[in-house]
N, C-alpha and C. Protein backbone atom coordinates (compact mmCIF):
# COMPACT_ATOMS: atom_id res chain seq x y z
N MET A 1 0.78 -1.20 -0.09
CA MET A 1 0.03 0.05 -0.04
C MET A 1 0.83 1.29 0.00
N SER A 2 1.90 1.25 0.62
CA SER A 2 2.75 2.37 0.67
C SER A 2 3.39 2.73 -0.70
N PHE A 3 3.50 1.73 -1.55
CA PHE A 3 4.03 1.84 -2.90
C PHE A 3 3.05 2.73 -3.66
N PHE A 4 1.85 2.43 -3.55
CA PHE A 4 0.78 3.30 -4.18
C PHE A 4 0.74 4.62 -3.67
N LEU A 5 0.92 4.90 -2.42
CA LEU A 5 0.91 6.13 -1.89
C LEU A 5 2.13 6.95 -2.44
N THR A 6 3.28 6.38 -2.49
CA THR A 6 4.46 7.14 -3.01
C THR A 6 4.29 7.44 -4.49
N GLU A 7 3.72 6.48 -5.24
CA GLU A 7 3.50 6.75 -6.74
C GLU A 7 2.51 7.89 -6.82
N LEU A 8 1.47 7.90 -6.07
CA LEU A 8 0.52 9.03 -6.03
C LEU A 8 1.02 10.32 -5.78
N ALA A 9 1.95 10.38 -4.68
CA ALA A 9 2.59 11.56 -4.47
C ALA A 9 3.49 12.09 -5.49
N ILE A 10 4.18 11.16 -6.17
CA ILE A 10 5.12 11.55 -7.30
C ILE A 10 4.16 12.09 -8.50
N LEU A 11 3.02 11.49 -8.79
CA LEU A 11 2.15 11.94 -9.74
C LEU A 11 1.67 13.34 -9.38
N ARG A 12 1.28 13.49 -8.17
CA ARG A 12 0.63 14.82 -7.79
C ARG A 12 1.78 15.95 -8.02
N ALA A 13 3.11 15.55 -7.72
CA ALA A 13 4.15 16.59 -7.79
C ALA A 13 4.36 16.86 -9.24
N ASP A 14 4.29 15.84 -10.09
CA ASP A 14 4.48 16.08 -11.56
C ASP A 14 3.34 16.97 -11.99
N VAL A 15 2.14 16.74 -11.70
CA VAL A 15 0.99 17.55 -12.14
C VAL A 15 1.03 19.01 -11.67
N ASP A 16 1.53 19.17 -10.40
CA ASP A 16 1.73 20.43 -9.86
C ASP A 16 2.80 21.24 -10.68
N ALA A 17 3.86 20.54 -10.94
CA ALA A 17 4.94 21.15 -11.84
C ALA A 17 4.55 21.59 -13.10
N ILE A 18 3.70 20.69 -13.83
CA ILE A 18 3.11 21.01 -15.17
C ILE A 18 2.25 22.21 -15.10
N LEU A 19 1.39 22.20 -14.09
CA LEU A 19 0.44 23.36 -14.00
C LEU A 19 1.13 24.62 -13.68
N ALA A 20 2.24 24.62 -12.86
CA ALA A 20 2.99 25.79 -12.49
C ALA A 20 3.60 26.44 -13.75
N THR A 21 4.06 25.59 -14.69
CA THR A 21 4.73 26.16 -15.87
C THR A 21 3.87 26.69 -16.92
N LEU A 22 2.63 26.27 -16.85
CA LEU A 22 1.71 26.84 -17.75
C LEU A 22 1.41 28.27 -17.45
N ASP A 23 1.50 28.97 -18.62
CA ASP A 23 1.11 30.53 -18.45
C ASP A 23 -0.22 30.73 -19.03
N VAL A 24 -1.15 31.15 -18.27
CA VAL A 24 -2.49 31.33 -18.68
C VAL A 24 -2.51 32.73 -19.24
N LYS A 25 -2.91 32.94 -20.50
CA LYS A 25 -3.00 34.31 -21.21
C LYS A 25 -4.53 34.48 -21.55
N PRO A 26 -5.10 35.68 -21.15
CA PRO A 26 -6.39 35.93 -21.67
C PRO A 26 -6.45 36.06 -23.11
N HIS A 27 -7.58 35.82 -23.71
CA HIS A 27 -7.68 35.85 -25.23
C HIS A 27 -7.52 37.28 -25.67
N ALA A 28 -8.57 38.01 -25.93
CA ALA A 28 -8.40 39.38 -26.23
C ALA A 28 -9.29 40.22 -25.24
N GLU A 29 -8.82 41.39 -25.00
CA GLU A 29 -9.44 42.34 -24.11
C GLU A 29 -10.85 42.66 -24.78
N PRO A 30 -11.80 42.78 -24.05
CA PRO A 30 -13.17 43.10 -24.55
C PRO A 30 -13.13 44.55 -25.21
N SER A 31 -12.37 45.47 -24.70
CA SER A 31 -12.35 46.83 -25.31
C SER A 31 -11.64 46.76 -26.59
N THR A 32 -10.65 45.89 -26.89
CA THR A 32 -10.04 45.81 -28.08
C THR A 32 -10.91 45.31 -29.16
N LEU A 33 -11.73 44.28 -28.75
CA LEU A 33 -12.66 43.71 -29.66
C LEU A 33 -13.83 44.77 -30.01
N GLY A 34 -14.11 45.50 -29.05
CA GLY A 34 -15.22 46.59 -29.30
C GLY A 34 -14.66 47.68 -30.19
N ASP A 35 -13.38 48.05 -29.87
CA ASP A 35 -12.74 49.08 -30.69
C ASP A 35 -12.69 48.65 -32.15
N ASP A 36 -12.24 47.41 -32.32
CA ASP A 36 -12.28 46.88 -33.79
C ASP A 36 -13.54 46.98 -34.48
N ILE A 37 -14.67 46.66 -33.76
CA ILE A 37 -15.95 46.74 -34.40
C ILE A 37 -16.39 48.02 -34.70
N VAL A 38 -16.04 49.11 -33.76
CA VAL A 38 -16.40 50.46 -34.07
C VAL A 38 -15.52 50.96 -35.32
N LEU A 39 -14.26 50.70 -35.25
CA LEU A 39 -13.41 51.12 -36.39
C LEU A 39 -13.85 50.61 -37.60
N SER A 40 -14.04 49.40 -37.78
CA SER A 40 -14.57 48.73 -38.93
C SER A 40 -15.78 49.26 -39.48
N ALA A 41 -16.69 49.57 -38.52
CA ALA A 41 -17.96 50.16 -38.95
C ALA A 41 -17.74 51.58 -39.38
N LEU A 42 -16.89 52.29 -38.93
CA LEU A 42 -16.69 53.66 -39.39
C LEU A 42 -15.94 53.78 -40.69
N PHE A 43 -15.08 52.87 -40.95
CA PHE A 43 -14.27 52.97 -42.15
C PHE A 43 -14.62 51.88 -43.21
N SER A 44 -15.57 51.11 -43.06
CA SER A 44 -15.87 50.18 -44.00
C SER A 44 -16.72 50.65 -45.13
N GLY A 45 -17.55 51.71 -44.91
CA GLY A 45 -18.28 52.40 -46.02
C GLY A 45 -19.66 51.82 -45.96
N ASP A 46 -20.06 50.81 -45.07
CA ASP A 46 -21.38 50.13 -45.07
C ASP A 46 -22.13 51.02 -44.11
N ASP A 47 -23.42 50.63 -44.22
CA ASP A 47 -24.41 51.43 -43.32
C ASP A 47 -24.08 51.18 -41.81
N ALA A 48 -24.10 52.16 -41.09
CA ALA A 48 -23.86 52.04 -39.73
C ALA A 48 -24.81 51.36 -38.94
N GLU A 49 -26.07 51.28 -39.59
CA GLU A 49 -27.17 50.69 -38.89
C GLU A 49 -27.08 49.18 -39.07
N LYS A 50 -26.34 48.72 -39.94
CA LYS A 50 -26.22 47.14 -40.09
C LYS A 50 -25.44 46.61 -38.88
N GLN A 51 -25.95 45.51 -38.37
CA GLN A 51 -25.28 44.82 -37.42
C GLN A 51 -24.49 43.70 -37.96
N PRO A 52 -23.35 43.52 -37.41
CA PRO A 52 -22.55 42.40 -37.93
C PRO A 52 -23.18 40.98 -37.38
N GLU A 53 -23.06 39.97 -38.18
CA GLU A 53 -23.62 38.76 -37.90
C GLU A 53 -22.84 38.18 -36.78
N PRO A 54 -23.61 37.71 -35.72
CA PRO A 54 -22.87 37.07 -34.59
C PRO A 54 -22.05 35.97 -34.97
N ALA A 55 -20.92 35.77 -34.40
CA ALA A 55 -19.96 34.74 -34.84
C ALA A 55 -20.55 33.32 -34.65
N ARG A 56 -21.41 33.19 -33.58
CA ARG A 56 -21.84 31.77 -33.29
C ARG A 56 -22.89 31.37 -34.33
N SER A 57 -23.52 32.35 -35.08
CA SER A 57 -24.57 31.90 -35.91
C SER A 57 -24.12 31.97 -37.40
N ARG A 58 -22.84 32.35 -37.65
CA ARG A 58 -22.40 32.57 -39.01
C ARG A 58 -22.62 31.19 -39.87
N GLY A 59 -22.13 30.07 -39.30
CA GLY A 59 -22.17 28.79 -40.01
C GLY A 59 -23.38 28.01 -39.70
N LYS A 60 -24.24 28.58 -38.93
CA LYS A 60 -25.37 27.73 -38.44
C LYS A 60 -26.57 28.17 -39.28
N ARG A 61 -27.38 27.16 -39.77
CA ARG A 61 -28.64 27.45 -40.39
C ARG A 61 -29.63 26.39 -39.85
N HIS A 62 -30.78 26.76 -39.99
CA HIS A 62 -31.92 25.83 -39.45
C HIS A 62 -31.88 24.68 -40.45
N ARG A 63 -32.11 23.52 -39.93
CA ARG A 63 -31.93 22.37 -40.73
C ARG A 63 -32.94 22.27 -41.75
N SER A 64 -34.16 22.85 -41.68
CA SER A 64 -35.19 22.75 -42.78
C SER A 64 -34.69 23.60 -43.91
N SER A 65 -33.85 24.57 -43.69
CA SER A 65 -33.40 25.39 -44.85
C SER A 65 -32.36 24.59 -45.61
N HIS A 66 -31.50 23.77 -44.88
CA HIS A 66 -30.57 22.79 -45.55
C HIS A 66 -31.43 21.84 -46.53
N LYS A 67 -32.45 21.30 -46.04
CA LYS A 67 -33.30 20.35 -46.79
C LYS A 67 -33.81 21.09 -47.93
N THR A 68 -34.44 22.24 -47.76
CA THR A 68 -35.09 23.03 -48.79
C THR A 68 -34.19 23.29 -50.03
N GLU A 69 -32.87 23.78 -49.57
CA GLU A 69 -31.89 24.15 -50.56
C GLU A 69 -31.43 22.87 -51.23
N LEU A 70 -31.25 21.68 -50.61
CA LEU A 70 -30.89 20.56 -51.18
C LEU A 70 -31.98 20.13 -52.26
N MET A 71 -33.21 20.14 -51.69
CA MET A 71 -34.34 19.70 -52.70
C MET A 71 -34.40 20.65 -53.83
N GLU A 72 -34.12 21.93 -53.64
CA GLU A 72 -34.11 22.96 -54.91
C GLU A 72 -33.01 22.43 -55.90
N LYS A 73 -31.90 22.22 -55.29
CA LYS A 73 -30.75 21.71 -56.13
C LYS A 73 -31.08 20.47 -56.95
N ILE A 74 -31.66 19.65 -56.24
CA ILE A 74 -31.97 18.25 -56.92
C ILE A 74 -33.05 18.51 -57.93
N LYS A 75 -34.19 19.36 -57.64
CA LYS A 75 -35.10 19.71 -58.58
C LYS A 75 -34.55 20.36 -59.85
N ALA A 76 -33.62 21.34 -59.53
CA ALA A 76 -32.94 22.12 -60.67
C ALA A 76 -32.17 21.10 -61.39
N SER A 77 -31.39 20.31 -60.99
CA SER A 77 -30.65 19.30 -61.88
C SER A 77 -31.43 18.44 -62.51
N LYS A 78 -32.61 17.93 -61.90
CA LYS A 78 -33.61 17.11 -62.81
C LYS A 78 -34.18 17.84 -63.91
N ARG A 79 -34.58 19.06 -63.54
CA ARG A 79 -35.11 19.93 -64.63
C ARG A 79 -34.13 20.03 -65.79
N GLN A 80 -32.86 20.32 -65.41
CA GLN A 80 -31.83 20.54 -66.49
C GLN A 80 -31.64 19.25 -67.31
N ARG A 81 -31.61 18.13 -66.67
CA ARG A 81 -31.43 16.87 -67.34
C ARG A 81 -32.62 16.59 -68.27
N ARG A 82 -33.77 16.96 -67.78
CA ARG A 82 -35.02 16.69 -68.71
C ARG A 82 -34.94 17.57 -69.89
N GLN A 83 -34.54 18.87 -69.67
CA GLN A 83 -34.49 19.79 -70.80
C GLN A 83 -33.29 19.34 -71.75
N GLU A 84 -32.24 18.94 -71.33
CA GLU A 84 -31.13 18.41 -72.15
C GLU A 84 -31.57 17.20 -72.85
N LYS A 85 -32.32 16.33 -72.26
CA LYS A 85 -32.72 15.12 -73.02
C LYS A 85 -33.84 15.57 -74.11
N LYS A 86 -34.59 16.50 -73.78
CA LYS A 86 -35.68 16.83 -74.66
C LYS A 86 -35.05 17.68 -75.94
N ALA A 87 -33.94 18.38 -75.67
CA ALA A 87 -33.23 19.10 -76.67
C ALA A 87 -32.51 18.02 -77.65
N ARG A 88 -31.88 17.11 -76.91
CA ARG A 88 -31.07 15.96 -77.58
C ARG A 88 -32.05 15.21 -78.53
N LYS A 89 -33.30 14.84 -77.98
CA LYS A 89 -34.22 14.11 -78.81
C LYS A 89 -34.72 14.93 -79.91
N ALA A 90 -35.05 16.26 -79.70
CA ALA A 90 -35.38 17.19 -80.83
C ALA A 90 -34.33 17.23 -81.90
N SER A 91 -33.05 17.28 -81.45
CA SER A 91 -31.88 17.42 -82.36
C SER A 91 -31.81 16.17 -83.22
N ILE A 92 -32.12 14.89 -82.63
CA ILE A 92 -31.98 13.70 -83.32
C ILE A 92 -33.18 13.64 -84.36
N ILE A 93 -34.42 14.12 -83.95
CA ILE A 93 -35.51 14.05 -84.85
C ILE A 93 -35.25 14.94 -86.01
N ASP A 94 -34.75 16.21 -85.75
CA ASP A 94 -34.35 17.23 -86.83
C ASP A 94 -33.40 16.57 -87.80
N GLU A 95 -32.29 15.96 -87.29
CA GLU A 95 -31.35 15.34 -88.12
C GLU A 95 -31.94 14.10 -88.95
N GLN A 96 -32.78 13.37 -88.38
CA GLN A 96 -33.56 12.36 -89.12
C GLN A 96 -34.45 12.93 -90.34
N LEU A 97 -35.06 14.01 -90.05
CA LEU A 97 -35.93 14.67 -91.01
C LEU A 97 -34.95 15.27 -92.15
N ARG A 98 -33.86 15.86 -91.68
CA ARG A 98 -32.97 16.41 -92.81
C ARG A 98 -32.52 15.31 -93.67
N VAL A 99 -32.07 14.15 -93.13
CA VAL A 99 -31.65 12.93 -93.78
C VAL A 99 -32.64 12.53 -94.86
N THR A 100 -33.84 12.33 -94.26
CA THR A 100 -35.00 11.86 -95.05
C THR A 100 -35.33 12.84 -96.18
N ASN A 101 -35.27 14.15 -95.90
CA ASN A 101 -35.59 15.18 -96.92
C ASN A 101 -34.59 15.12 -97.99
N SER A 102 -33.41 14.98 -97.59
CA SER A 102 -32.21 15.06 -98.53
C SER A 102 -32.13 13.91 -99.32
N THR A 103 -32.46 12.58 -98.94
CA THR A 103 -32.54 11.41 -99.74
C THR A 103 -33.70 11.29 -100.54
N THR A 104 -34.80 11.96 -100.29
CA THR A 104 -35.97 11.80 -100.92
C THR A 104 -36.39 12.97 -101.87
N ASP A 105 -35.48 14.05 -101.87
CA ASP A 105 -35.73 15.17 -102.71
C ASP A 105 -35.74 14.74 -104.27
N GLY A 106 -36.79 15.17 -104.93
CA GLY A 106 -36.85 14.75 -106.28
C GLY A 106 -37.23 13.39 -106.65
N VAL A 107 -37.51 12.59 -105.66
CA VAL A 107 -37.91 11.23 -105.99
C VAL A 107 -39.42 11.29 -106.16
N VAL A 108 -39.83 10.55 -107.15
CA VAL A 108 -41.26 10.50 -107.43
C VAL A 108 -41.74 9.09 -107.17
N LEU A 109 -42.83 8.99 -106.26
CA LEU A 109 -43.40 7.70 -106.03
C LEU A 109 -44.29 7.31 -107.17
N LEU A 110 -44.14 6.18 -107.85
CA LEU A 110 -45.08 5.64 -108.94
C LEU A 110 -45.74 4.47 -108.49
N ASP A 111 -46.89 4.43 -108.89
CA ASP A 111 -47.69 3.16 -108.65
C ASP A 111 -47.57 2.27 -109.91
N ALA A 112 -46.77 1.34 -109.83
CA ALA A 112 -46.39 0.45 -111.01
C ALA A 112 -47.55 -0.38 -111.33
N GLY A 113 -48.63 -0.54 -110.60
CA GLY A 113 -49.80 -1.36 -110.95
C GLY A 113 -49.50 -2.74 -110.77
N THR A 114 -48.63 -3.14 -109.85
CA THR A 114 -48.28 -4.50 -109.53
C THR A 114 -49.49 -5.09 -108.89
N THR A 115 -49.47 -6.36 -108.79
CA THR A 115 -50.51 -7.21 -108.07
C THR A 115 -50.48 -7.01 -106.51
N GLU A 116 -49.14 -6.75 -106.04
CA GLU A 116 -49.03 -6.68 -104.63
C GLU A 116 -49.35 -5.24 -104.24
N GLY A 117 -49.45 -4.15 -105.05
CA GLY A 117 -49.64 -2.97 -104.72
C GLY A 117 -48.39 -2.21 -104.20
N ASP A 118 -47.30 -2.77 -104.49
CA ASP A 118 -46.01 -2.07 -104.10
C ASP A 118 -45.83 -0.85 -104.94
N LEU A 119 -45.23 0.18 -104.18
CA LEU A 119 -44.87 1.43 -104.84
C LEU A 119 -43.40 1.30 -105.31
N SER A 120 -43.15 1.87 -106.49
CA SER A 120 -41.82 1.98 -106.92
C SER A 120 -41.26 3.41 -106.97
N LEU A 121 -39.96 3.60 -106.85
CA LEU A 121 -39.38 4.88 -106.80
C LEU A 121 -38.83 5.17 -108.19
N ASP A 122 -38.96 6.45 -108.59
CA ASP A 122 -38.41 7.05 -109.92
C ASP A 122 -37.14 7.78 -109.40
N LEU A 123 -36.00 7.13 -109.33
CA LEU A 123 -34.74 7.84 -108.92
C LEU A 123 -34.10 8.62 -109.83
N ALA A 124 -34.60 8.67 -111.06
CA ALA A 124 -34.00 9.49 -112.00
C ALA A 124 -34.39 11.00 -111.85
N GLY A 125 -35.34 11.24 -111.24
CA GLY A 125 -35.82 12.58 -111.15
C GLY A 125 -35.08 13.20 -109.95
N SER A 126 -34.12 13.87 -110.27
CA SER A 126 -33.32 14.58 -109.02
C SER A 126 -33.75 15.97 -108.88
N GLY A 127 -34.67 16.46 -109.67
CA GLY A 127 -35.05 17.84 -109.49
C GLY A 127 -34.36 18.80 -110.50
N LYS A 128 -33.29 18.24 -111.08
CA LYS A 128 -32.64 19.06 -112.06
C LYS A 128 -32.84 18.62 -113.52
N SER A 129 -32.99 19.61 -114.44
CA SER A 129 -33.23 19.15 -115.83
C SER A 129 -31.94 18.65 -116.43
N ASP A 130 -32.04 17.73 -117.49
CA ASP A 130 -30.84 17.19 -118.05
C ASP A 130 -30.19 18.41 -118.93
N PRO A 131 -28.93 18.42 -119.13
CA PRO A 131 -28.18 19.39 -119.85
C PRO A 131 -28.53 19.11 -121.29
N PRO A 132 -28.62 20.17 -122.11
CA PRO A 132 -28.94 19.98 -123.60
C PRO A 132 -27.84 19.32 -124.17
N ALA A 133 -28.05 18.48 -125.21
CA ALA A 133 -27.12 17.77 -125.90
C ALA A 133 -26.72 18.67 -127.03
N CYS A 134 -25.40 18.69 -127.36
CA CYS A 134 -24.91 19.52 -128.38
C CYS A 134 -24.59 18.70 -129.68
């Protein structure tokens, strides 16, 4: 038991020595902080009536606003993806129409009178007249 008491006394002495060497310094004097606020309000060019936002509430927002902002971002990204998909689809359709129009310009559909009722294409009609033979 005396072993534990001597160890405890040694530990207490060590803790006392550590605490004695620590220099406790106050953070900032309240008047210095107040002077900084007054000087910044005078020389910042902002309205003097504006109150600076308290330091403790700068990074804090109500949780419902986080959810609302998150939902708005999600909805905006979905809306953007939908618009991009719609534009891409319209572009593909326009391209298909251009290809169809360019390949069928001047083509005349003829009813050949076949028994199956198939239509035949007159590919010779390109819309341009033949050059005169000399």
